[in-house]
C-alpha atoms as a PDB file:
ATOM      1  CA  UNK A   1      90.848  56.305  -9.818  1.00  0.00           C
ATOM      2  CA  UNK A   2      89.229  54.572  -6.896  1.00  0.00           C
ATOM      3  CA  UNK A   3      86.288  56.234  -5.154  1.00  0.00           C
ATOM      4  CA  UNK A   4      88.213  56.351  -1.892  1.00  0.00           C
ATOM      5  CA  UNK A   5      91.513  57.560  -3.334  1.00  0.00           C
ATOM      6  CA  UNK A   6      91.038  60.349  -5.914  1.00  0.00           C
ATOM      7  CA  UNK A   7      92.707  63.043  -3.814  1.00  0.00           C
ATOM      8  CA  UNK A   8      95.879  65.020  -4.220  1.00  0.00           C
ATOM      9  CA  UNK A   9      97.516  64.028  -0.968  1.00  0.00           C
ATOM     10  CA  UNK A  10     100.277  61.548  -1.748  1.00  0.00           C
ATOM     11  CA  UNK A  11      99.166  61.082  -5.363  1.00  0.00           C
ATOM     12  CA  UNK A  12     100.992  62.263  -8.442  1.00  0.00           C
ATOM     13  CA  UNK A  13      99.270  63.071 -11.726  1.00  0.00           C
ATOM     14  CA  UNK A  14      97.859  59.973 -13.423  1.00  0.00           C
ATOM     15  CA  UNK A  15      96.499  58.937 -16.805  1.00  0.00           C
ATOM     16  CA  UNK A  16      92.763  58.929 -17.527  1.00  0.00           C
ATOM     17  CA  UNK A  17      92.229  57.090 -20.806  1.00  0.00           C
ATOM     18  CA  UNK A  18      89.203  57.696 -23.028  1.00  0.00           C
ATOM     19  CA  UNK A  19      88.209  55.354 -25.833  1.00  0.00           C
ATOM     20  CA  UNK A  20      88.326  56.537 -29.447  1.00  0.00           C
ATOM     21  CA  UNK A  21      84.977  57.269 -31.131  1.00  0.00           C
ATOM     22  CA  UNK A  22      85.225  54.233 -33.434  1.00  0.00           C
ATOM     23  CA  UNK A  23      85.695  51.000 -31.532  1.00  0.00           C
ATOM     24  CA  UNK A  24      86.338  47.680 -33.338  1.00  0.00           C
ATOM     25  CA  UNK A  25      85.896  45.792 -30.093  1.00  0.00           C
ATOM     26  CA  UNK A  26      88.234  42.807 -30.605  1.00  0.00           C
ATOM     27  CA  UNK A  27      91.118  44.925 -31.825  1.00  0.00           C
ATOM     28  CA  UNK A  28      90.567  47.562 -29.181  1.00  0.00           C
ATOM     29  CA  UNK A  29      90.493  44.998 -26.373  1.00  0.00           C
ATOM     30  CA  UNK A  30      93.980  43.917 -27.443  1.00  0.00           C
ATOM     31  CA  UNK A  31      95.138  47.541 -27.636  1.00  0.00           C
ATOM     32  CA  UNK A  32      93.707  48.249 -24.177  1.00  0.00           C
ATOM     33  CA  UNK A  33      95.560  45.300 -22.696  1.00  0.00           C
ATOM     34  CA  UNK A  34      98.827  46.547 -24.198  1.00  0.00           C
ATOM     35  CA  UNK A  35      98.188  50.018 -22.785  1.00  0.00           C
ATOM     36  CA  UNK A  36      97.368  48.854 -19.277  1.00  0.00           C
ATOM     37  CA  UNK A  37     100.361  46.530 -19.156  1.00  0.00           C
ATOM     38  CA  UNK A  38     102.702  49.396 -19.997  1.00  0.00           C
ATOM     39  CA  UNK A  39     102.313  51.640 -16.950  1.00  0.00           C
ATOM     40  CA  UNK A  40     100.097  53.390 -14.434  1.00  0.00           C
ATOM     41  CA  UNK A  41      96.551  54.192 -15.602  1.00  0.00           C
ATOM     42  CA  UNK A  42      93.806  55.396 -13.255  1.00  0.00           C
ATOM     43  CA  UNK A  43      90.719  54.731 -15.347  1.00  0.00           C
ATOM     44  CA  UNK A  44      89.187  54.153 -18.753  1.00  0.00           C
ATOM     45  CA  UNK A  45      86.155  56.109 -19.916  1.00  0.00           C
ATOM     46  CA  UNK A  46      84.012  54.383 -22.530  1.00  0.00           C
ATOM     47  CA  UNK A  47      82.790  57.132 -24.828  1.00  0.00           C
ATOM     48  CA  UNK A  48      80.614  55.871 -27.681  1.00  0.00           C
ATOM     49  CA  UNK A  49      78.515  58.904 -28.543  1.00  0.00           C
ATOM     50  CA  UNK A  50      76.561  57.463 -31.452  1.00  0.00           C
ATOM     51  CA  UNK A  51      76.220  53.878 -30.265  1.00  0.00           C
ATOM     52  CA  UNK A  52      72.981  52.267 -29.154  1.00  0.00           C
ATOM     53  CA  UNK A  53      72.524  50.675 -25.754  1.00  0.00           C
ATOM     54  CA  UNK A  54      73.265  47.184 -27.052  1.00  0.00           C
ATOM     55  CA  UNK A  55      76.632  48.259 -28.471  1.00  0.00           C
ATOM     56  CA  UNK A  56      77.565  50.017 -25.237  1.00  0.00           C
ATOM     57  CA  UNK A  57      76.625  46.954 -23.215  1.00  0.00           C
ATOM     58  CA  UNK A  58      78.666  44.701 -25.505  1.00  0.00           C
ATOM     59  CA  UNK A  59      81.716  46.966 -25.320  1.00  0.00           C
ATOM     60  CA  UNK A  60      81.398  47.291 -21.542  1.00  0.00           C
ATOM     61  CA  UNK A  61      81.127  43.544 -21.042  1.00  0.00           C
ATOM     62  CA  UNK A  62      84.360  43.079 -22.975  1.00  0.00           C
ATOM     63  CA  UNK A  63      86.393  46.012 -21.652  1.00  0.00           C
ATOM     64  CA  UNK A  64      85.366  46.348 -17.996  1.00  0.00           C
ATOM     65  CA  UNK A  65      86.905  43.002 -16.939  1.00  0.00           C
ATOM     66  CA  UNK A  66      90.191  43.982 -18.610  1.00  0.00           C
ATOM     67  CA  UNK A  67      90.209  47.232 -16.651  1.00  0.00           C
ATOM     68  CA  UNK A  68      89.501  45.464 -13.389  1.00  0.00           C
ATOM     69  CA  UNK A  69      92.277  42.942 -14.047  1.00  0.00           C
ATOM     70  CA  UNK A  70      94.675  45.906 -13.928  1.00  0.00           C
ATOM     71  CA  UNK A  71      92.926  47.712 -11.039  1.00  0.00           C
ATOM     72  CA  UNK A  72      91.699  50.405 -13.430  1.00  0.00           C
ATOM     73  CA  UNK A  73      88.302  52.038 -12.892  1.00  0.00           C
ATOM     74  CA  UNK A  74      85.739  51.702 -15.690  1.00  0.00           C
ATOM     75  CA  UNK A  75      83.726  54.877 -16.316  1.00  0.00           C
ATOM     76  CA  UNK A  76      80.870  55.343 -18.756  1.00  0.00           C
ATOM     77  CA  UNK A  77      80.294  58.619 -20.569  1.00  0.00           C
ATOM     78  CA  UNK A  78      76.923  60.429 -20.523  1.00  0.00           C
ATOM     79  CA  UNK A  79      74.636  57.642 -19.309  1.00  0.00           C
ATOM     80  CA  UNK A  80      74.292  57.236 -15.532  1.00  0.00           C
ATOM     81  CA  UNK A  81      71.241  55.021 -16.000  1.00  0.00           C
ATOM     82  CA  UNK A  82      73.179  52.571 -18.137  1.00  0.00           C
ATOM     83  CA  UNK A  83      76.335  52.908 -16.028  1.00  0.00           C
ATOM     84  CA  UNK A  84      74.401  51.904 -12.924  1.00  0.00           C
ATOM     85  CA  UNK A  85      72.745  48.992 -14.734  1.00  0.00           C
ATOM     86  CA  UNK A  86      76.008  47.480 -16.002  1.00  0.00           C
ATOM     87  CA  UNK A  87      77.850  48.012 -12.724  1.00  0.00           C
ATOM     88  CA  UNK A  88      80.386  50.564 -13.976  1.00  0.00           C
ATOM     89  CA  UNK A  89      82.679  52.133 -11.411  1.00  0.00           C
ATOM     90  CA  UNK A  90      81.512  55.580 -12.392  1.00  0.00           C
ATOM     91  CA  UNK A  91      80.007  57.964 -14.913  1.00  0.00           C
ATOM     92  CA  UNK A  92      81.099  61.209 -16.517  1.00  0.00           C
ATOM     93  CA  UNK A  93      78.498  63.860 -17.378  1.00  0.00           C
ATOM     94  CA  UNK A  94      78.733  67.040 -19.433  1.00  0.00           C
ATOM     95  CA  UNK A  95      76.679  70.185 -19.641  1.00  0.00           C
ATOM     96  CA  UNK A  96      74.085  68.620 -21.963  1.00  0.00           C
ATOM     97  CA  UNK A  97      73.875  65.266 -20.168  1.00  0.00           C
ATOM     98  CA  UNK A  98      72.175  64.282 -16.928  1.00  0.00           C
ATOM     99  CA  UNK A  99      72.773  66.631 -14.010  1.00  0.00           C
ATOM    100  CA  UNK A 100      75.236  65.756 -11.290  1.00  0.00           C
ATOM    101  CA  UNK A 101      72.353  65.246  -8.862  1.00  0.00           C
ATOM    102  CA  UNK A 102      70.606  62.813 -11.202  1.00  0.00           C
ATOM    103  CA  UNK A 103      73.844  60.962 -11.903  1.00  0.00           C
ATOM    104  CA  UNK A 104      74.547  60.599  -8.191  1.00  0.00           C
ATOM    105  CA  UNK A 105      70.994  59.438  -7.492  1.00  0.00           C
ATOM    106  CA  UNK A 106      71.263  56.734 -10.115  1.00  0.00           C
ATOM    107  CA  UNK A 107      74.841  55.689  -9.361  1.00  0.00           C
ATOM    108  CA  UNK A 108      74.723  55.763  -5.567  1.00  0.00           C
ATOM    109  CA  UNK A 109      77.174  57.187  -3.090  1.00  0.00           C
ATOM    110  CA  UNK A 110      80.062  54.798  -3.719  1.00  0.00           C
ATOM    111  CA  UNK A 111      80.434  55.386  -7.470  1.00  0.00           C
ATOM    112  CA  UNK A 112      82.673  57.935  -9.178  1.00  0.00           C
ATOM    113  CA  UNK A 113      80.787  60.858 -10.698  1.00  0.00           C
ATOM    114  CA  UNK A 114      82.821  63.348 -12.733  1.00  0.00           C
ATOM    115  CA  UNK A 115      81.642  66.554 -14.387  1.00  0.00           C
ATOM    116  CA  UNK A 116      82.843  68.493 -17.445  1.00  0.00           C
ATOM    117  CA  UNK A 117      83.440  72.145 -16.569  1.00  0.00           C
ATOM    118  CA  UNK A 118      85.232  73.288 -19.759  1.00  0.00           C
ATOM    119  CA  UNK A 119      86.945  76.586 -18.801  1.00  0.00           C
ATOM    120  CA  UNK A 120      84.305  77.659 -16.264  1.00  0.00           C
ATOM    121  CA  UNK A 121      85.357  78.364 -12.711  1.00  0.00           C
ATOM    122  CA  UNK A 122      81.708  78.832 -11.820  1.00  0.00           C
ATOM    123  CA  UNK A 123      80.728  75.362 -13.061  1.00  0.00           C
ATOM    124  CA  UNK A 124      83.702  73.796 -11.322  1.00  0.00           C
ATOM    125  CA  UNK A 125      82.951  75.378  -7.957  1.00  0.00           C
ATOM    126  CA  UNK A 126      79.305  74.377  -8.276  1.00  0.00           C
ATOM    127  CA  UNK A 127      80.156  70.778  -9.144  1.00  0.00           C
ATOM    128  CA  UNK A 128      82.615  70.482  -6.273  1.00  0.00           C
ATOM    129  CA  UNK A 129      80.087  71.889  -3.801  1.00  0.00           C
ATOM    130  CA  UNK A 130      77.507  69.345  -4.968  1.00  0.00           C
ATOM    131  CA  UNK A 131      79.974  66.545  -4.338  1.00  0.00           C
ATOM    132  CA  UNK A 132      81.572  65.675  -7.694  1.00  0.00           C
ATOM    133  CA  UNK A 133      84.508  63.301  -7.372  1.00  0.00           C
ATOM    134  CA  UNK A 134      86.428  65.238 -10.009  1.00  0.00           C
ATOM    135  CA  UNK A 135      85.944  68.063 -12.487  1.00  0.00           C
ATOM    136  CA  UNK A 136      87.330  68.120 -16.034  1.00  0.00           C
ATOM    137  CA  UNK A 137      88.750  71.231 -17.673  1.00  0.00           C
ATOM    138  CA  UNK A 138      89.537  71.746 -21.365  1.00  0.00           C
ATOM    139  CA  UNK A 139      90.195  71.718 -24.161  1.00  0.00           C
ATOM    140  CA  UNK A 140      93.771  72.773 -23.469  1.00  0.00           C
ATOM    141  CA  UNK A 141      95.073  72.061 -26.975  1.00  0.00           C
ATOM    142  CA  UNK A 142      93.517  71.624 -30.418  1.00  0.00           C
ATOM    143  CA  UNK A 143      91.896  68.226 -30.791  1.00  0.00           C
ATOM    144  CA  UNK A 144      90.704  66.152 -33.729  1.00  0.00           C
ATOM    145  CA  UNK A 145      88.349  64.027 -31.643  1.00  0.00           C
ATOM    146  CA  UNK A 146      85.612  66.652 -31.356  1.00  0.00           C
ATOM    147  CA  UNK A 147      85.094  70.391 -31.570  1.00  0.00           C
ATOM    148  CA  UNK A 148      85.482  71.645 -27.991  1.00  0.00           C
ATOM    149  CA  UNK A 149      83.047  74.371 -26.910  1.00  0.00           C
ATOM    150  CA  UNK A 150      85.775  76.226 -25.012  1.00  0.00           C
ATOM    151  CA  UNK A 151      89.549  76.503 -24.690  1.00  0.00           C
ATOM    152  CA  UNK A 152      91.249  76.435 -21.300  1.00  0.00           C
ATOM    153  CA  UNK A 153      94.647  77.669 -20.160  1.00  0.00           C
ATOM    154  CA  UNK A 154      97.025  75.837 -17.783  1.00  0.00           C
ATOM    155  CA  UNK A 155      96.621  78.612 -15.211  1.00  0.00           C
ATOM    156  CA  UNK A 156      93.112  77.282 -14.585  1.00  0.00           C
ATOM    157  CA  UNK A 157      94.610  74.096 -13.161  1.00  0.00           C
ATOM    158  CA  UNK A 158      96.858  76.067 -10.826  1.00  0.00           C
ATOM    159  CA  UNK A 159      93.908  78.103  -9.600  1.00  0.00           C
ATOM    160  CA  UNK A 160      91.954  74.906  -8.989  1.00  0.00           C
ATOM    161  CA  UNK A 161      94.805  73.468  -6.932  1.00  0.00           C
ATOM    162  CA  UNK A 162      94.717  76.580  -4.767  1.00  0.00           C
ATOM    163  CA  UNK A 163      90.980  76.636  -4.023  1.00  0.00           C
ATOM    164  CA  UNK A 164      89.926  73.008  -3.522  1.00  0.00           C
ATOM    165  CA  UNK A 165      91.009  69.435  -2.893  1.00  0.00           C
ATOM    166  CA  UNK A 166      88.660  68.037  -5.561  1.00  0.00           C
ATOM    167  CA  UNK A 167      90.830  66.507  -8.326  1.00  0.00           C
ATOM    168  CA  UNK A 168      91.061  68.301 -11.654  1.00  0.00           C
ATOM    169  CA  UNK A 169      91.259  66.464 -14.969  1.00  0.00           C
ATOM    170  CA  UNK A 170      92.895  68.110 -17.988  1.00  0.00           C
ATOM    171  CA  UNK A 171      91.526  67.133 -21.409  1.00  0.00           C
ATOM    172  CA  UNK A 172      91.903  68.131 -25.032  1.00  0.00           C
ATOM    173  CA  UNK A 173      94.687  67.374 -27.494  1.00  0.00           C
ATOM    174  CA  UNK A 174      97.118  66.141 -24.828  1.00  0.00           C
ATOM    175  CA  UNK A 175     100.208  64.313 -26.084  1.00  0.00           C
ATOM    176  CA  UNK A 176     103.507  63.163 -24.649  1.00  0.00           C
ATOM    177  CA  UNK A 177     105.068  66.282 -26.169  1.00  0.00           C
ATOM    178  CA  UNK A 178     102.769  68.869 -24.565  1.00  0.00           C
ATOM    179  CA  UNK A 179     101.611  67.272 -21.306  1.00  0.00           C
ATOM    180  CA  UNK A 180     104.448  68.647 -19.197  1.00  0.00           C
ATOM    181  CA  UNK A 181     102.972  72.122 -18.837  1.00  0.00           C
ATOM    182  CA  UNK A 182      99.689  70.658 -17.566  1.00  0.00           C
ATOM    183  CA  UNK A 183     101.423  68.450 -15.023  1.00  0.00           C
ATOM    184  CA  UNK A 184     103.443  71.420 -13.789  1.00  0.00           C
ATOM    185  CA  UNK A 185     100.308  73.564 -13.630  1.00  0.00           C
ATOM    186  CA  UNK A 186      98.622  71.091 -11.304  1.00  0.00           C
ATOM    187  CA  UNK A 187      96.581  68.562 -13.282  1.00  0.00           C
ATOM    188  CA  UNK A 188      95.644  65.587 -11.140  1.00  0.00           C
ATOM    189  CA  UNK A 189      94.742  63.517 -14.187  1.00  0.00           C
ATOM    190  CA  UNK A 190      95.509  63.752 -17.912  1.00  0.00           C
ATOM    191  CA  UNK A 191      92.575  62.602 -20.046  1.00  0.00           C
ATOM    192  CA  UNK A 192      93.968  61.266 -23.305  1.00  0.00           C
ATOM    193  CA  UNK A 193      92.435  59.824 -26.459  1.00  0.00           C
ATOM    194  CA  UNK A 194      94.470  60.188 -29.666  1.00  0.00           C
ATOM    195  CA  UNK A 195      97.669  60.759 -27.697  1.00  0.00           C
ATOM    196  CA  UNK A 196      97.538  57.091 -26.698  1.00  0.00           C
ATOM    197  CA  UNK A 197      95.438  55.228 -29.269  1.00  0.00           C
ATOM    198  CA  UNK A 198      96.891  57.186 -32.198  1.00  0.00           C
ATOM    199  CA  UNK A 199     100.484  57.157 -31.001  1.00  0.00           C
ATOM    200  CA  UNK A 200     102.928  56.327 -33.784  1.00  0.00           C
ATOM    201  CA  UNK A 201     104.510  53.494 -31.773  1.00  0.00           C
ATOM    202  CA  UNK A 202     101.313  52.108 -30.273  1.00  0.00           C
ATOM    203  CA  UNK A 203      99.401  52.549 -27.022  1.00  0.00           C
ATOM    204  CA  UNK A 204     101.869  50.669 -24.848  1.00  0.00           C
ATOM    205  CA  UNK A 205     104.708  52.976 -25.806  1.00  0.00           C
ATOM    206  CA  UNK A 206     102.411  55.991 -25.333  1.00  0.00           C
ATOM    207  CA  UNK A 207     101.420  55.001 -21.785  1.00  0.00           C
ATOM    208  CA  UNK A 208     105.042  54.382 -20.848  1.00  0.00           C
ATOM    209  CA  UNK A 209     106.082  57.753 -22.292  1.00  0.00           C
ATOM    210  CA  UNK A 210     103.248  59.602 -20.541  1.00  0.00           C
ATOM    211  CA  UNK A 211     104.243  58.103 -17.214  1.00  0.00           C
ATOM    212  CA  UNK A 212     107.863  59.045 -17.828  1.00  0.00           C
ATOM    213  CA  UNK A 213     106.835  62.655 -18.567  1.00  0.00           C
ATOM    214  CA  UNK A 214     104.618  62.762 -15.480  1.00  0.00           C
ATOM    215  CA  UNK A 215     107.456  61.510 -13.279  1.00  0.00           C
ATOM    216  CA  UNK A 216     109.851  64.056 -14.778  1.00  0.00           C
ATOM    217  CA  UNK A 217     107.487  67.034 -14.416  1.00  0.00           C
ATOM    218  CA  UNK A 218     105.962  66.219 -11.033  1.00  0.00           C
END
């Protein structure tokens, strides 16, 4: 997910990986490498909700170079101040985090800034008008990672395709078994956590299977 390329024109749906909440860094670095070797991935979002700044910096220093080795953007969750300081490619903010305007001010014009919009058309339109590089909708399916505030339906992705060129990210309980409906509905990116890192045959197999499903359903 490069800043100059996250558009629909000429681009099929792609994977947007998010780290699991618990991150044994050495083991996860190996798992990340396996995942990125296995197929197309647009970006990795580091999401460590309960970690202190030192832990986030340590994880970023280890994982960001791996992402860049595979031309994958490195995005930090929640913290535009820290994302700017460590040189992340972008930041993702939710309703209770920094505003889009604050995130953009801190990150600068060249960085990726994405916004959670849950199932709200109003929030999505507002974020796109402000200049967000993408908006995220969900949760589309039940998820064990966190309790989502809202549930979204695939039709929301189709509507979004019809009204704007800003990419839409689908998130929430997405697996290789259920992703097809979201691809068909118009998701530009599939944000996946457990569907990759908790896959029964490992993250490499998961990434390969996701890309196969995307190719089949596109």
